[in-house]
Amino acid sequence: MVNVYIVSGFLGAGKTTFIKKFLRSLSNGKSVILENEFGETSVDGDFIRDKGYDVVDIPEGCICCNLRIDFTDGIMNILENMNPNNIIIEPTGLGVLSEILKILDGKEFKHRCIIKNIITLVDGENYLEQKEVFGEFFKDQIINAKNVIISKSHKISRDTLVEIVESFEELNVKGNILSEDLESCEDEFFKGFIDSKEEELKNFENSILGEHSKEGQREIENFTSIAFEVKKKYSREELYKKLSILKQYDIGNIFRAKGIVKAKANIESMSQSLEFDYVNGNYEIRESKIEATPKICVIGENLNKNRIKIIFNPIEINRMKR
């Protein structure tokens, strides 16, 4: 039986950070990551490949709707051709978790895979604001988790943390709720997610598969994404200015953006690239040594896709006008 770990989570909650550290804790053979990227090009996959792991991408859309067949084929391809001991499934930040569980409970995989853990990550800094927007979709990911991790908890007050925990407890009385800063967690923390008692997890799965998937799917039908390559090199200051423009309402309601761009030469830094994360108007930039095609993915509502491309690729647009 192949061990399956599902690492779900809301936009910007830290799934990729969790997976990179969790993979270091898995010492029982080969691990393959199945990533469902909401966009035309995978950004997260490159960050994980850079660590030497195999990543299978399912681009565009979300598992809950038109990608059911592609997701099934992706799992089957991994089982038949890659001979893994572990499969880590990272759904898009807009994936409906209950649909994934239904697929894995089907006849194709029921006797070949065993779900060892179901982990949902929540961005503590933005959860209370985001839950008003995502509604039933948020409920689906909380209800169907064996472990709920509140990330970025060091950035919020104790009162806010208590409010978040209480809202989770109303939805999921069987799951574990943890509050952690993933960046500072030691390896022992991640080893704790490797194994769950099979009987306990099976009973948990049977008790949570409900009707939330259809409601959650309706919540995200209006979401779109844009993903594109970036040729221009940026300094940290220039990239900050570009990210600040994403707050403007005339380019759409942007919930999440993530990317990597080439860095301008800097005497004080030897980094070749800059990574960035943008969540609900908050953003951070990190130096990176990852060698990957510079690209950006943006997720939101009513996106002005041409305007967003122009923001990050001004040289290309100017050439087109000549």
Protein backbone atom coordinates (compact mmCIF):
# COMPACT_ATOMS: atom_id res chain seq x y z
CA MET A 1 0.00 0.00 0.00
CA VAL A 2 1.23 3.48 -0.88
CA ASN A 3 1.00 6.09 1.86
CA VAL A 4 -0.99 9.20 0.90
CA TYR A 5 -0.73 12.53 2.69
CA ILE A 6 -3.09 15.34 1.74
CA VAL A 7 -1.79 18.82 2.52
CA SER A 8 -4.63 21.20 1.81
CA GLY A 9 -4.94 24.84 2.74
CA PHE A 10 -6.21 28.28 1.98
CA LEU A 11 -4.49 30.79 -0.28
CA GLY A 12 -1.16 31.82 1.20
CA ALA A 13 -1.40 29.60 4.27
CA GLY A 14 2.01 27.98 3.81
CA LYS A 15 1.35 24.63 2.10
CA THR A 16 4.61 24.68 0.18
CA THR A 17 6.62 25.59 3.28
CA PHE A 18 4.96 22.75 5.19
CA ILE A 19 5.55 20.21 2.42
CA LYS A 20 9.24 21.06 2.00
CA LYS A 21 9.85 20.53 5.71
CA PHE A 22 7.55 17.50 5.93
CA LEU A 23 9.42 15.78 3.08
CA ARG A 24 12.64 15.96 5.09
CA SER A 25 10.92 13.94 7.81
CA LEU A 26 9.85 11.12 5.47
CA SER A 27 12.66 8.59 5.46
CA ASN A 28 10.71 5.53 4.27
CA GLY A 29 11.58 5.51 0.58
CA LYS A 30 10.56 7.54 -2.46
CA SER A 31 8.09 10.43 -2.18
CA VAL A 32 6.24 12.01 -5.11
CA ILE A 33 4.21 15.22 -4.96
CA LEU A 34 0.98 15.63 -6.94
CA GLU A 35 0.27 19.32 -7.27
CA ASN A 36 -2.95 20.83 -8.60
CA GLU A 37 -1.94 24.39 -9.54
CA PHE A 38 -4.71 26.97 -10.02
CA GLY A 39 -3.13 28.58 -13.05
CA GLU A 40 -1.46 27.83 -16.35
CA THR A 41 2.03 27.37 -14.97
CA SER A 42 3.27 25.85 -11.75
CA VAL A 43 5.15 28.13 -9.37
CA ASP A 44 5.10 26.00 -6.22
CA GLY A 45 6.27 22.93 -8.15
CA ASP A 46 9.57 24.59 -9.04
CA PHE A 47 10.23 25.43 -5.38
CA ILE A 48 9.83 21.74 -4.46
CA ARG A 49 11.69 20.36 -7.50
CA ASP A 50 14.61 22.54 -6.51
CA LYS A 51 14.98 20.30 -3.44
CA GLY A 52 15.34 17.22 -5.66
CA TYR A 53 11.83 15.75 -5.40
CA ASP A 54 9.57 14.47 -8.19
CA VAL A 55 6.55 16.70 -8.81
CA VAL A 56 3.58 15.87 -11.05
CA ASP A 57 1.59 18.96 -12.03
CA ILE A 58 -2.10 19.16 -12.90
CA PRO A 59 -2.42 22.71 -14.28
CA GLU A 60 -5.52 24.92 -14.54
CA GLY A 61 -8.83 24.65 -12.75
CA CYS A 62 -9.53 22.85 -9.50
CA ILE A 63 -9.89 19.18 -8.62
CA CYS A 64 -13.51 19.63 -7.53
CA CYS A 65 -14.83 20.36 -11.03
CA ASN A 66 -13.48 19.54 -14.50
CA LEU A 67 -10.22 17.93 -13.39
CA ARG A 68 -11.60 14.80 -11.74
CA ILE A 69 -10.40 12.65 -14.66
CA ASP A 70 -6.99 14.36 -14.82
CA PHE A 71 -6.51 13.93 -11.08
CA THR A 72 -7.39 10.23 -11.29
CA ASP A 73 -4.99 9.81 -14.22
CA GLY A 74 -2.28 11.68 -12.32
CA ILE A 75 -2.50 9.35 -9.33
CA MET A 76 -2.59 6.30 -11.60
CA ASN A 77 0.46 7.51 -13.52
CA ILE A 78 2.41 7.91 -10.28
CA LEU A 79 1.40 4.45 -9.06
CA GLU A 80 2.15 2.69 -12.35
CA ASN A 81 5.32 4.48 -13.47
CA MET A 82 7.06 6.06 -10.49
CA ASN A 83 6.90 3.31 -7.86
CA PRO A 84 6.51 5.61 -4.83
CA ASN A 85 6.33 4.77 -1.14
CA ASN A 86 4.58 8.07 -0.40
CA ILE A 87 2.36 10.43 -2.39
CA ILE A 88 1.85 13.96 -1.08
CA ILE A 89 -1.18 15.65 -2.62
CA GLU A 90 -1.13 19.45 -2.63
CA PRO A 91 -4.48 20.72 -3.93
CA THR A 92 -4.82 24.26 -5.16
CA GLY A 93 -5.71 26.85 -2.52
CA LEU A 94 -9.17 26.71 -4.10
CA GLY A 95 -9.58 22.93 -3.99
CA VAL A 96 -12.59 21.25 -2.38
CA LEU A 97 -11.10 18.68 -0.02
CA SER A 98 -14.13 16.38 0.25
CA GLU A 99 -14.00 15.76 -3.52
CA ILE A 100 -10.40 14.58 -3.26
CA LEU A 101 -11.35 12.14 -0.49
CA LYS A 102 -14.18 10.75 -2.61
CA ILE A 103 -11.81 10.10 -5.51
CA LEU A 104 -9.30 8.32 -3.28
CA ASP A 105 -12.12 6.23 -1.83
CA GLY A 106 -12.98 4.95 -5.32
CA LYS A 107 -12.30 1.44 -6.57
CA GLU A 108 -9.19 2.52 -8.52
CA PHE A 109 -7.27 3.43 -5.37
CA LYS A 110 -9.05 1.95 -2.37
CA HIS A 111 -6.87 -1.17 -2.30
CA ARG A 112 -3.65 0.46 -3.49
CA CYS A 113 -3.42 3.58 -1.32
CA ILE A 114 -3.91 4.35 2.34
CA ILE A 115 -4.57 7.89 3.54
CA LYS A 116 -2.15 8.45 6.40
CA ASN A 117 -3.07 12.05 7.20
CA ILE A 118 -5.29 14.93 6.08
CA ILE A 119 -3.78 18.31 6.95
CA THR A 120 -5.34 21.72 6.35
CA LEU A 121 -3.33 24.91 6.80
CA VAL A 122 -5.04 28.19 7.61
CA ASP A 123 -3.55 31.68 7.35
CA GLY A 124 -4.24 33.01 10.85
CA GLU A 125 -3.44 36.56 9.80
CA ASN A 126 -6.19 36.65 7.14
CA TYR A 127 -8.68 33.92 8.08
CA LEU A 128 -11.40 36.00 9.73
CA GLU A 129 -11.54 38.32 6.73
CA GLN A 130 -11.31 35.57 4.12
CA LYS A 131 -14.00 33.34 5.63
CA GLU A 132 -16.62 35.98 4.81
CA VAL A 133 -15.63 35.70 1.14
CA PHE A 134 -15.14 31.94 0.77
CA GLY A 135 -18.06 30.71 2.90
CA GLU A 136 -18.87 27.03 2.39
CA PHE A 137 -15.55 26.42 0.65
CA PHE A 138 -13.73 27.24 3.89
CA LYS A 139 -16.05 24.97 5.84
CA ASP A 140 -15.28 22.04 3.54
CA GLN A 141 -11.54 22.28 4.16
CA ILE A 142 -11.96 22.60 7.94
CA ILE A 143 -14.55 19.83 8.30
CA ASN A 144 -12.52 17.33 6.27
CA ALA A 145 -9.17 17.83 8.03
CA LYS A 146 -7.61 15.45 10.54
CA ASN A 147 -5.21 18.20 11.59
CA VAL A 148 -5.79 21.94 11.21
CA ILE A 149 -2.68 24.11 11.50
CA ILE A 150 -3.06 27.85 12.06
CA SER A 151 0.02 29.39 10.44
CA LYS A 152 1.36 32.92 11.04
CA SER A 153 -0.11 32.76 14.55
CA HIS A 154 2.82 34.83 15.83
CA LYS A 155 1.42 37.77 13.85
CA ILE A 156 -2.01 37.84 15.52
CA SER A 157 -3.30 38.63 19.01
CA ARG A 158 -4.33 35.96 21.49
CA ASP A 159 -7.96 37.12 21.27
CA THR A 160 -7.93 36.68 17.49
CA LEU A 161 -6.36 33.23 17.84
CA VAL A 162 -9.05 32.19 20.34
CA GLU A 163 -11.77 33.41 17.96
CA ILE A 164 -10.29 31.38 15.10
CA VAL A 165 -9.97 28.22 17.21
CA GLU A 166 -13.56 28.54 18.43
CA SER A 167 -14.84 28.87 14.86
CA PHE A 168 -12.96 25.67 13.93
CA GLU A 169 -14.29 23.76 16.93
CA GLU A 170 -17.85 24.50 15.81
CA LEU A 171 -17.12 22.74 12.51
CA ASN A 172 -14.72 19.93 13.44
CA VAL A 173 -14.86 18.29 16.86
CA LYS A 174 -12.75 15.27 15.83
CA GLY A 175 -9.72 17.00 14.34
CA ASN A 176 -6.64 18.37 16.06
CA ILE A 177 -6.08 22.14 16.02
CA LEU A 178 -2.52 23.44 16.22
CA SER A 179 -1.09 26.96 16.14
CA GLU A 180 2.44 27.27 14.76
CA ASP A 181 4.94 29.48 12.95
CA LEU A 182 6.01 26.98 10.28
CA GLU A 183 9.26 28.74 9.46
CA SER A 184 10.62 28.24 12.99
CA CYS A 185 9.29 24.70 13.62
CA GLU A 186 11.87 21.96 14.17
CA ASP A 187 11.86 18.63 12.31
CA GLU A 188 10.22 16.83 15.24
CA PHE A 189 7.05 18.85 14.70
CA PHE A 190 6.71 17.58 11.12
CA LYS A 191 7.51 13.98 12.05
CA GLY A 192 4.35 14.01 14.15
CA PHE A 193 2.24 14.03 10.97
CA ILE A 194 3.81 10.95 9.37
CA ASP A 195 1.58 8.33 10.94
CA SER A 196 -2.02 8.26 12.15
CA LYS A 197 -3.77 5.24 13.56
CA GLU A 198 -5.45 3.58 10.57
CA GLU A 199 -8.70 2.75 12.39
CA GLU A 200 -8.96 6.24 13.89
CA LEU A 201 -8.43 7.92 10.52
CA LYS A 202 -10.90 5.65 8.73
CA ASN A 203 -13.61 6.41 11.28
CA PHE A 204 -12.79 10.07 10.91
CA GLU A 205 -13.15 9.94 7.11
CA ASN A 206 -16.49 8.14 7.29
CA SER A 207 -17.89 10.76 9.66
CA ILE A 208 -16.99 13.84 7.61
CA LEU A 209 -17.89 13.16 3.98
CA GLY A 210 -20.98 15.30 3.56
CA GLU A 211 -22.73 17.73 1.26
CA HIS A 212 -20.31 20.64 1.60
CA SER A 213 -18.45 19.97 -1.64
CA LYS A 214 -21.24 21.25 -3.94
CA GLU A 215 -21.75 24.36 -1.85
CA GLY A 216 -18.01 24.95 -1.70
CA GLN A 217 -17.73 24.56 -5.47
CA ARG A 218 -20.36 27.24 -6.03
CA GLU A 219 -18.39 29.61 -3.79
CA ILE A 220 -15.34 29.52 -6.09
CA GLU A 221 -16.94 29.49 -9.55
CA ASN A 222 -16.22 33.21 -9.99
CA PHE A 223 -12.52 32.87 -9.25
CA THR A 224 -10.04 33.10 -12.09
CA SER A 225 -6.28 33.01 -12.37
CA ILE A 226 -3.56 34.31 -14.61
CA ALA A 227 -0.06 32.88 -14.87
CA PHE A 228 2.71 34.22 -17.06
CA GLU A 229 6.48 34.35 -17.48
CA VAL A 230 8.44 37.49 -16.58
CA LYS A 231 11.51 38.59 -18.57
CA LYS A 232 12.34 41.82 -16.75
CA LYS A 233 14.88 41.81 -13.91
CA TYR A 234 13.88 43.51 -10.66
CA SER A 235 15.52 45.04 -7.63
CA ARG A 236 13.79 44.45 -4.30
CA GLU A 237 12.56 48.08 -4.25
CA GLU A 238 11.12 47.84 -7.78
CA LEU A 239 9.30 44.62 -6.95
CA TYR A 240 7.78 46.17 -3.81
CA LYS A 241 6.35 48.99 -5.96
CA LYS A 242 4.84 46.51 -8.41
CA LEU A 243 3.21 44.46 -5.64
CA SER A 244 1.70 47.58 -4.09
CA ILE A 245 -0.17 48.17 -7.37
CA LEU A 246 -2.01 44.85 -6.91
CA LYS A 247 -4.08 46.51 -4.18
CA GLN A 248 -5.80 48.73 -6.74
CA TYR A 249 -9.41 47.72 -7.36
CA ASP A 250 -9.36 48.56 -11.08
CA ILE A 251 -7.26 45.45 -11.76
CA GLY A 252 -9.60 43.13 -9.82
CA ASN A 253 -9.99 41.73 -6.34
CA ILE A 254 -6.69 39.88 -5.85
CA PHE A 255 -6.55 37.34 -3.03
CA ARG A 256 -3.27 35.61 -3.82
CA ALA A 257 -0.19 36.08 -5.94
CA LYS A 258 3.05 34.17 -5.92
CA GLY A 259 6.11 34.18 -8.09
CA ILE A 260 9.82 34.26 -8.75
CA VAL A 261 11.65 36.88 -10.84
CA LYS A 262 15.27 37.42 -11.85
CA ALA A 263 17.11 39.80 -9.53
CA LYS A 264 19.18 42.75 -10.68
CA ALA A 265 22.88 42.55 -9.83
CA ASN A 266 23.51 43.79 -6.31
CA ILE A 267 26.91 44.17 -4.62
CA GLU A 268 25.36 43.38 -1.23
CA SER A 269 23.63 40.21 -2.39
CA MET A 270 24.61 37.23 -4.53
CA SER A 271 21.02 36.04 -5.01
CA GLN A 272 20.00 35.34 -8.60
CA SER A 273 16.27 35.57 -7.99
CA LEU A 274 13.59 37.10 -5.79
CA GLU A 275 10.58 35.12 -4.54
CA PHE A 276 7.42 36.85 -3.35
CA ASP A 277 4.11 36.02 -1.69
CA TYR A 278 1.06 38.28 -1.76
CA VAL A 279 -2.04 37.54 0.36
CA ASN A 280 -4.93 39.98 0.77
CA GLY A 281 -2.81 43.08 0.32
CA ASN A 282 0.08 41.86 2.49
CA TYR A 283 3.28 40.83 0.76
CA GLU A 284 6.84 39.78 1.43
CA ILE A 285 9.91 39.33 -0.75
CA ARG A 286 12.74 36.84 -0.19
CA GLU A 287 16.10 36.34 -1.85
CA SER A 288 16.35 33.01 -3.63
CA LYS A 289 18.95 30.79 -5.25
CA ILE A 290 16.36 28.70 -7.09
CA GLU A 291 17.09 28.27 -10.80
CA ALA A 292 13.66 28.35 -12.41
CA THR A 293 11.83 30.12 -15.20
CA PRO A 294 10.70 33.51 -13.82
CA LYS A 295 6.92 33.42 -13.56
CA ILE A 296 3.99 34.76 -11.60
CA CYS A 297 0.54 33.38 -10.74
CA VAL A 298 -2.32 35.64 -9.59
CA ILE A 299 -5.69 34.43 -8.23
CA GLY A 300 -8.79 36.53 -7.61
CA GLU A 301 -12.12 37.82 -8.87
CA ASN A 302 -12.79 40.02 -11.93
CA LEU A 303 -9.12 40.11 -12.88
CA ASN A 304 -7.95 42.59 -15.53
CA LYS A 305 -5.48 40.11 -16.97
CA ASN A 306 -3.92 42.39 -19.57
CA ARG A 307 -3.32 45.12 -16.99
CA ILE A 308 -1.68 42.65 -14.60
CA LYS A 309 0.66 41.43 -17.35
CA ILE A 310 1.58 45.02 -18.21
CA ILE A 311 2.52 45.72 -14.58
CA PHE A 312 5.23 43.06 -14.56
CA ASN A 313 6.21 43.00 -18.25
CA PRO A 314 6.31 46.68 -19.32
CA ILE A 315 9.12 46.22 -21.87
CA GLU A 316 7.16 43.65 -23.87
CA ILE A 317 4.09 45.88 -24.01
CA ASN A 318 6.12 48.91 -25.15
CA ARG A 319 7.63 46.88 -27.98
CA MET A 320 4.17 45.78 -29.09
CA LYS A 321 3.04 49.40 -29.38
CA ARG A 322 5.82 50.35 -31.82
